[in-house]
Amino acid sequence: MTFKGWPTRAIDFYDGLEEDNSKAYWQANKATYDESVKGPMEDLLVDLAGEFGAGRIFRPNRDVRFSADKSPYKTAIAATLAEGGYIQLSAAGLGVGRGMYMMAADQLERFRAAVADGKRGPKLLELIGAVERAGVGVTAHDSLKTAPKGYPKDHPRIEVLRYKGLICWKEWAVAPWLSTAKAKTRVVDVLRTAEPIVGWLDANVGPSTLPDAAWR
C-alpha cells in the first residue's frame, strides 16, 4: 500500500507508552502499534526502496542486559535504508537523518585525514554550508573535547576534526501533515539534501573493515 502518513493514534500510542512502559500496556495496544505505527512505516519503506534501497525496521524491544533502565520497549519506531538513511517516529514527532552516525576506528582515521587535507577538507565545509542553508542540520552524535592525536588544536577545521561521525539531521514536532503523504515528501527532501555529503563520505571514508553496527 502507498504511504499515507501516520494517524494520530500512532502518537497517542507513544504518549501512552511513555507513561506506562510495560508488557501489559504493549499487549493491550499491540494492534494499534501494528496498524498505526509499524504499518505506515512499512508502507513508507516500500515507497522509498526504489531510490534509497530496502528498509529495515528495528525491533521494538530494548536490550536491557547492561542498562539500569529496565523499561522493556523503545519509545520510538526507527528504520534504516540500505542506500543510507534513518527515520524515526515518536511522541515528539518525526526525525530523519543520513550520514555516518558512529564511525569505526578505521573510518575515523580516514575521515580525519580527509578533513585535514587542503582540498578535501574545504570541500566538505562547502558541502556542509550548502546543506545547512537548505534547512538541514549537520552534526555528530559525539565529539572529542580536544584535538585528535596528531592534529593541532588550532587547525582551521578543528571542530569537524573532533567529530566521531557526521550526520545530516532534521526533526519536526507533531503536526497535522504527519498524518498525510506530505510526511514522505519531507523525508525524501532531507535524504536528497544529504546526498552530496554522503557522496563525500563514500569517496573519502568508505565502509569499515571492522565489525560495526552503525547506521549509514
C-alpha atoms as a PDB file:
ATOM      1  CA  MET A   1       0.000   0.000   0.000  1.00  0.00           C
ATOM      2  CA  THR A   2       1.063   3.578  -0.632  1.00  0.00           C
ATOM      3  CA  PHE A   3       2.176   5.546   2.399  1.00  0.00           C
ATOM      4  CA  LYS A   4      -0.498   7.980   3.608  1.00  0.00           C
ATOM      5  CA  GLY A   5       1.098   9.232   6.813  1.00  0.00           C
ATOM      6  CA  TRP A   6       0.838   8.179  10.439  1.00  0.00           C
ATOM      7  CA  PRO A   7      -2.592   8.573  12.045  1.00  0.00           C
ATOM      8  CA  THR A   8      -2.891  10.442  15.323  1.00  0.00           C
ATOM      9  CA  ARG A   9      -3.292   7.061  17.025  1.00  0.00           C
ATOM     10  CA  ALA A  10       0.425   6.468  16.411  1.00  0.00           C
ATOM     11  CA  ILE A  11       1.350   9.484  18.522  1.00  0.00           C
ATOM     12  CA  ASP A  12      -1.257   8.534  21.127  1.00  0.00           C
ATOM     13  CA  PHE A  13       0.330   5.073  21.297  1.00  0.00           C
ATOM     14  CA  TYR A  14       3.754   6.502  22.149  1.00  0.00           C
ATOM     15  CA  ASP A  15       2.292   9.035  24.570  1.00  0.00           C
ATOM     16  CA  GLY A  16       0.775   6.103  26.425  1.00  0.00           C
ATOM     17  CA  LEU A  17       3.937   4.013  26.238  1.00  0.00           C
ATOM     18  CA  GLU A  18       5.984   6.804  27.789  1.00  0.00           C
ATOM     19  CA  GLU A  19       3.562   6.842  30.725  1.00  0.00           C
ATOM     20  CA  ASP A  20       3.285   3.059  31.048  1.00  0.00           C
ATOM     21  CA  ASN A  21       6.242   1.221  29.550  1.00  0.00           C
ATOM     22  CA  SER A  22       5.039  -2.236  30.498  1.00  0.00           C
ATOM     23  CA  LYS A  23       4.278  -5.552  28.877  1.00  0.00           C
ATOM     24  CA  ALA A  24       0.648  -5.151  29.899  1.00  0.00           C
ATOM     25  CA  TYR A  25       0.348  -1.830  28.016  1.00  0.00           C
ATOM     26  CA  TRP A  26       2.123  -3.236  24.967  1.00  0.00           C
ATOM     27  CA  GLN A  27      -0.080  -6.301  24.739  1.00  0.00           C
ATOM     28  CA  ALA A  28      -3.242  -4.270  25.237  1.00  0.00           C
ATOM     29  CA  ASN A  29      -2.239  -1.843  22.461  1.00  0.00           C
ATOM     30  CA  LYS A  30      -0.292  -4.095  20.093  1.00  0.00           C
ATOM     31  CA  ALA A  31      -2.988  -3.878  17.425  1.00  0.00           C
ATOM     32  CA  THR A  32      -2.586  -0.095  17.405  1.00  0.00           C
ATOM     33  CA  TYR A  33       1.186  -0.458  17.072  1.00  0.00           C
ATOM     34  CA  ASP A  34       0.842  -2.895  14.171  1.00  0.00           C
ATOM     35  CA  GLU A  35      -1.797  -0.902  12.289  1.00  0.00           C
ATOM     36  CA  SER A  36      -0.987   2.726  13.073  1.00  0.00           C
ATOM     37  CA  VAL A  37       2.757   2.743  13.784  1.00  0.00           C
ATOM     38  CA  LYS A  38       4.518  -0.169  12.119  1.00  0.00           C
ATOM     39  CA  GLY A  39       2.133  -0.495   9.172  1.00  0.00           C
ATOM     40  CA  PRO A  40       2.654   3.074   7.885  1.00  0.00           C
ATOM     41  CA  MET A  41       6.417   2.743   8.396  1.00  0.00           C
ATOM     42  CA  GLU A  42       6.415  -0.414   6.278  1.00  0.00           C
ATOM     43  CA  ASP A  43       4.438   1.400   3.566  1.00  0.00           C
ATOM     44  CA  LEU A  44       6.891   4.310   3.633  1.00  0.00           C
ATOM     45  CA  LEU A  45       9.883   1.985   3.287  1.00  0.00           C
ATOM     46  CA  VAL A  46       8.296   0.307   0.277  1.00  0.00           C
ATOM     47  CA  ASP A  47       7.751   3.706  -1.341  1.00  0.00           C
ATOM     48  CA  LEU A  48      11.372   4.734  -0.684  1.00  0.00           C
ATOM     49  CA  ALA A  49      13.011   1.461  -1.735  1.00  0.00           C
ATOM     50  CA  GLY A  50      13.356   2.360  -5.406  1.00  0.00           C
ATOM     51  CA  GLU A  51      15.587   5.350  -4.656  1.00  0.00           C
ATOM     52  CA  PHE A  52      17.126   4.553  -1.283  1.00  0.00           C
ATOM     53  CA  GLY A  53      17.173   0.760  -1.098  1.00  0.00           C
ATOM     54  CA  ALA A  54      15.368  -1.732   1.074  1.00  0.00           C
ATOM     55  CA  GLY A  55      14.348  -0.639   4.546  1.00  0.00           C
ATOM     56  CA  ARG A  56      14.712  -2.399   7.881  1.00  0.00           C
ATOM     57  CA  ILE A  57      12.673  -1.635  10.974  1.00  0.00           C
ATOM     58  CA  PHE A  58      14.380  -2.005  14.337  1.00  0.00           C
ATOM     59  CA  ARG A  59      12.873  -4.302  16.933  1.00  0.00           C
ATOM     60  CA  PRO A  60      10.615  -2.517  19.438  1.00  0.00           C
ATOM     61  CA  ASN A  61      12.170  -4.293  22.409  1.00  0.00           C
ATOM     62  CA  ARG A  62      15.026  -2.637  24.284  1.00  0.00           C
ATOM     63  CA  ASP A  63      18.216  -4.509  25.127  1.00  0.00           C
ATOM     64  CA  VAL A  64      18.214  -4.097  28.889  1.00  0.00           C
ATOM     65  CA  ARG A  65      21.038  -6.518  29.712  1.00  0.00           C
ATOM     66  CA  PHE A  66      23.569  -3.799  30.509  1.00  0.00           C
ATOM     67  CA  SER A  67      21.208  -0.928  31.301  1.00  0.00           C
ATOM     68  CA  ALA A  68      19.998   0.365  34.641  1.00  0.00           C
ATOM     69  CA  ASP A  69      16.752   1.301  32.883  1.00  0.00           C
ATOM     70  CA  LYS A  70      14.773  -1.937  32.568  1.00  0.00           C
ATOM     71  CA  SER A  71      11.892  -0.452  30.552  1.00  0.00           C
ATOM     72  CA  PRO A  72      11.128  -3.211  28.044  1.00  0.00           C
ATOM     73  CA  TYR A  73      10.131  -1.141  24.991  1.00  0.00           C
ATOM     74  CA  LYS A  74      11.637   1.635  22.875  1.00  0.00           C
ATOM     75  CA  THR A  75       9.571   4.799  22.874  1.00  0.00           C
ATOM     76  CA  ALA A  76      10.110   5.323  19.134  1.00  0.00           C
ATOM     77  CA  ILE A  77       9.950   3.300  15.953  1.00  0.00           C
ATOM     78  CA  ALA A  78      13.050   3.585  13.772  1.00  0.00           C
ATOM     79  CA  ALA A  79      14.169   2.221  10.430  1.00  0.00           C
ATOM     80  CA  THR A  80      17.236   2.323   8.196  1.00  0.00           C
ATOM     81  CA  LEU A  81      17.576   2.327   4.406  1.00  0.00           C
ATOM     82  CA  ALA A  82      20.107   0.203   2.535  1.00  0.00           C
ATOM     83  CA  GLU A  83      21.397   3.147   0.472  1.00  0.00           C
ATOM     84  CA  GLY A  84      21.652   5.371   3.508  1.00  0.00           C
ATOM     85  CA  GLY A  85      19.082   6.915   5.771  1.00  0.00           C
ATOM     86  CA  TYR A  86      17.406   6.746   9.164  1.00  0.00           C
ATOM     87  CA  ILE A  87      13.771   7.505  10.003  1.00  0.00           C
ATOM     88  CA  GLN A  88      12.309   7.784  13.496  1.00  0.00           C
ATOM     89  CA  LEU A  89       8.814   8.464  14.836  1.00  0.00           C
ATOM     90  CA  SER A  90       7.993   9.104  18.491  1.00  0.00           C
ATOM     91  CA  ALA A  91       5.582  11.101  20.606  1.00  0.00           C
ATOM     92  CA  ALA A  92       7.881  14.081  19.975  1.00  0.00           C
ATOM     93  CA  GLY A  93       7.453  13.882  16.201  1.00  0.00           C
ATOM     94  CA  LEU A  94       9.428  12.783  13.144  1.00  0.00           C
ATOM     95  CA  GLY A  95      13.200  12.696  12.657  1.00  0.00           C
ATOM     96  CA  VAL A  96      15.213  11.932   9.516  1.00  0.00           C
ATOM     97  CA  GLY A  97      18.962  11.503   9.176  1.00  0.00           C
ATOM     98  CA  ARG A  98      21.637  10.391   6.773  1.00  0.00           C
ATOM     99  CA  GLY A  99      25.393  10.044   7.027  1.00  0.00           C
ATOM    100  CA  MET A 100      27.784   8.051   9.208  1.00  0.00           C
ATOM    101  CA  TYR A 101      26.418   8.088  12.718  1.00  0.00           C
ATOM    102  CA  MET A 102      29.219   6.301  14.553  1.00  0.00           C
ATOM    103  CA  MET A 103      32.466   5.728  12.686  1.00  0.00           C
ATOM    104  CA  ALA A 104      34.654   2.751  13.459  1.00  0.00           C
ATOM    105  CA  ALA A 105      38.323   3.332  14.253  1.00  0.00           C
ATOM    106  CA  ASP A 106      39.485   2.815  10.672  1.00  0.00           C
ATOM    107  CA  GLN A 107      36.779   5.126   9.331  1.00  0.00           C
ATOM    108  CA  LEU A 108      37.700   7.837  11.817  1.00  0.00           C
ATOM    109  CA  GLU A 109      41.313   7.685  10.706  1.00  0.00           C
ATOM    110  CA  ARG A 110      40.350   8.168   7.054  1.00  0.00           C
ATOM    111  CA  PHE A 111      37.768  10.835   7.935  1.00  0.00           C
ATOM    112  CA  ARG A 112      40.235  12.957   9.877  1.00  0.00           C
ATOM    113  CA  ALA A 113      42.891  12.644   7.201  1.00  0.00           C
ATOM    114  CA  ALA A 114      40.393  13.854   4.587  1.00  0.00           C
ATOM    115  CA  VAL A 115      39.134  16.741   6.759  1.00  0.00           C
ATOM    116  CA  ALA A 116      42.718  17.861   7.357  1.00  0.00           C
ATOM    117  CA  ASP A 117      43.569  17.648   3.662  1.00  0.00           C
ATOM    118  CA  GLY A 118      43.961  21.016   1.931  1.00  0.00           C
ATOM    119  CA  LYS A 119      41.471  20.222  -0.829  1.00  0.00           C
ATOM    120  CA  ARG A 120      39.090  17.604   0.546  1.00  0.00           C
ATOM    121  CA  GLY A 121      38.574  19.365   3.878  1.00  0.00           C
ATOM    122  CA  PRO A 122      37.480  22.732   2.479  1.00  0.00           C
ATOM    123  CA  LYS A 123      35.201  20.901   0.039  1.00  0.00           C
ATOM    124  CA  LEU A 124      33.448  19.200   2.941  1.00  0.00           C
ATOM    125  CA  LEU A 125      32.902  22.555   4.675  1.00  0.00           C
ATOM    126  CA  GLU A 126      31.440  23.886   1.453  1.00  0.00           C
ATOM    127  CA  LEU A 127      29.015  20.963   1.294  1.00  0.00           C
ATOM    128  CA  ILE A 128      28.074  21.346   4.957  1.00  0.00           C
ATOM    129  CA  GLY A 129      27.287  25.007   4.377  1.00  0.00           C
ATOM    130  CA  ALA A 130      25.032  24.187   1.433  1.00  0.00           C
ATOM    131  CA  VAL A 131      23.124  21.532   3.385  1.00  0.00           C
ATOM    132  CA  GLU A 132      22.645  23.848   6.354  1.00  0.00           C
ATOM    133  CA  ARG A 133      21.385  26.634   4.104  1.00  0.00           C
ATOM    134  CA  ALA A 134      18.817  24.151   2.805  1.00  0.00           C
ATOM    135  CA  GLY A 135      17.485  23.826   6.337  1.00  0.00           C
ATOM    136  CA  VAL A 136      19.084  20.528   7.378  1.00  0.00           C
ATOM    137  CA  GLY A 137      21.498  20.393  10.295  1.00  0.00           C
ATOM    138  CA  VAL A 138      24.927  18.775  10.055  1.00  0.00           C
ATOM    139  CA  THR A 139      26.404  17.466  13.262  1.00  0.00           C
ATOM    140  CA  ALA A 140      27.830  14.438  15.057  1.00  0.00           C
ATOM    141  CA  HIS A 141      26.436  12.190  17.782  1.00  0.00           C
ATOM    142  CA  ASP A 142      29.593  12.858  19.797  1.00  0.00           C
ATOM    143  CA  SER A 143      32.895  14.689  19.501  1.00  0.00           C
ATOM    144  CA  LEU A 144      36.231  14.923  21.271  1.00  0.00           C
ATOM    145  CA  LYS A 145      36.766  17.730  23.751  1.00  0.00           C
ATOM    146  CA  THR A 146      40.174  18.467  22.269  1.00  0.00           C
ATOM    147  CA  ALA A 147      42.083  17.844  19.049  1.00  0.00           C
ATOM    148  CA  PRO A 148      42.554  14.235  17.910  1.00  0.00           C
ATOM    149  CA  LYS A 149      46.029  12.872  18.482  1.00  0.00           C
ATOM    150  CA  GLY A 150      48.403  14.099  15.803  1.00  0.00           C
ATOM    151  CA  TYR A 151      46.349  17.200  14.857  1.00  0.00           C
ATOM    152  CA  PRO A 152      46.978  20.765  16.070  1.00  0.00           C
ATOM    153  CA  LYS A 153      44.408  22.397  18.339  1.00  0.00           C
ATOM    154  CA  ASP A 154      44.360  25.477  16.122  1.00  0.00           C
ATOM    155  CA  HIS A 155      43.619  23.580  12.889  1.00  0.00           C
ATOM    156  CA  PRO A 156      41.203  25.667  10.752  1.00  0.00           C
ATOM    157  CA  ARG A 157      38.742  22.730  10.656  1.00  0.00           C
ATOM    158  CA  ILE A 158      39.254  21.600  14.247  1.00  0.00           C
ATOM    159  CA  GLU A 159      35.530  21.476  15.049  1.00  0.00           C
ATOM    160  CA  VAL A 160      34.881  18.887  12.343  1.00  0.00           C
ATOM    161  CA  LEU A 161      38.121  17.050  13.149  1.00  0.00           C
ATOM    162  CA  ARG A 162      36.763  16.432  16.641  1.00  0.00           C
ATOM    163  CA  TYR A 163      33.629  14.740  15.307  1.00  0.00           C
ATOM    164  CA  LYS A 164      33.241  10.992  15.850  1.00  0.00           C
ATOM    165  CA  GLY A 165      30.764  10.782  12.992  1.00  0.00           C
ATOM    166  CA  LEU A 166      28.992  13.051  10.533  1.00  0.00           C
ATOM    167  CA  ILE A 167      25.238  13.166  10.063  1.00  0.00           C
ATOM    168  CA  CYS A 168      22.666  15.309   8.344  1.00  0.00           C
ATOM    169  CA  TRP A 169      19.631  15.522  10.610  1.00  0.00           C
ATOM    170  CA  LYS A 170      16.239  17.200  10.744  1.00  0.00           C
ATOM    171  CA  GLU A 171      13.273  16.714  13.019  1.00  0.00           C
ATOM    172  CA  TRP A 172       9.769  18.105  13.251  1.00  0.00           C
ATOM    173  CA  ALA A 173       7.296  18.336  16.094  1.00  0.00           C
ATOM    174  CA  VAL A 174       3.926  16.646  15.747  1.00  0.00           C
ATOM    175  CA  ALA A 175       1.744  18.500  13.229  1.00  0.00           C
ATOM    176  CA  PRO A 176      -1.316  17.701  11.070  1.00  0.00           C
ATOM    177  CA  TRP A 177       0.825  16.979   7.982  1.00  0.00           C
ATOM    178  CA  LEU A 178       2.310  13.964   9.760  1.00  0.00           C
ATOM    179  CA  SER A 179      -0.985  12.168   9.087  1.00  0.00           C
ATOM    180  CA  THR A 180      -0.716  12.786   5.330  1.00  0.00           C
ATOM    181  CA  ALA A 181       1.510  11.802   2.427  1.00  0.00           C
ATOM    182  CA  LYS A 182       3.380  15.094   2.964  1.00  0.00           C
ATOM    183  CA  ALA A 183       5.399  13.264   5.613  1.00  0.00           C
ATOM    184  CA  LYS A 184       7.017  11.223   2.835  1.00  0.00           C
ATOM    185  CA  THR A 185       7.850  14.390   0.894  1.00  0.00           C
ATOM    186  CA  ARG A 186       9.701  15.803   3.888  1.00  0.00           C
ATOM    187  CA  VAL A 187      11.599  12.565   4.450  1.00  0.00           C
ATOM    188  CA  VAL A 188      12.677  12.435   0.808  1.00  0.00           C
ATOM    189  CA  ASP A 189      13.717  16.101   0.826  1.00  0.00           C
ATOM    190  CA  VAL A 190      16.112  15.502   3.727  1.00  0.00           C
ATOM    191  CA  LEU A 191      17.551  12.317   2.246  1.00  0.00           C
ATOM    192  CA  ARG A 192      18.185  14.028  -1.089  1.00  0.00           C
ATOM    193  CA  THR A 193      19.603  17.177   0.509  1.00  0.00           C
ATOM    194  CA  ALA A 194      22.141  14.996   2.340  1.00  0.00           C
ATOM    195  CA  GLU A 195      23.291  13.259  -0.853  1.00  0.00           C
ATOM    196  CA  PRO A 196      26.385  15.447  -1.519  1.00  0.00           C
ATOM    197  CA  ILE A 197      27.742  14.811   1.975  1.00  0.00           C
ATOM    198  CA  VAL A 198      27.012  11.096   1.649  1.00  0.00           C
ATOM    199  CA  GLY A 199      28.948  11.157  -1.622  1.00  0.00           C
ATOM    200  CA  TRP A 200      31.900  12.845   0.095  1.00  0.00           C
ATOM    201  CA  LEU A 201      31.856  10.255   2.873  1.00  0.00           C
ATOM    202  CA  ASP A 202      31.678   7.394   0.368  1.00  0.00           C
ATOM    203  CA  ALA A 203      34.631   8.766  -1.557  1.00  0.00           C
ATOM    204  CA  ASN A 204      36.825   9.672   1.406  1.00  0.00           C
ATOM    205  CA  VAL A 205      35.820   7.372   4.261  1.00  0.00           C
ATOM    206  CA  GLY A 206      34.002   4.329   2.923  1.00  0.00           C
ATOM    207  CA  PRO A 207      32.804   1.310   4.886  1.00  0.00           C
ATOM    208  CA  SER A 208      34.670  -0.097   7.839  1.00  0.00           C
ATOM    209  CA  THR A 209      36.536  -3.371   7.582  1.00  0.00           C
ATOM    210  CA  LEU A 210      35.935  -3.807  11.338  1.00  0.00           C
ATOM    211  CA  PRO A 211      32.722  -5.099  12.949  1.00  0.00           C
ATOM    212  CA  ASP A 212      30.435  -2.093  13.269  1.00  0.00           C
ATOM    213  CA  ALA A 213      26.664  -1.727  13.652  1.00  0.00           C
ATOM    214  CA  ALA A 214      26.381   1.994  12.968  1.00  0.00           C
ATOM    215  CA  TRP A 215      23.725   3.155  10.545  1.00  0.00           C
ATOM    216  CA  ARG A 216      24.653   4.976   7.397  1.00  0.00           C
END
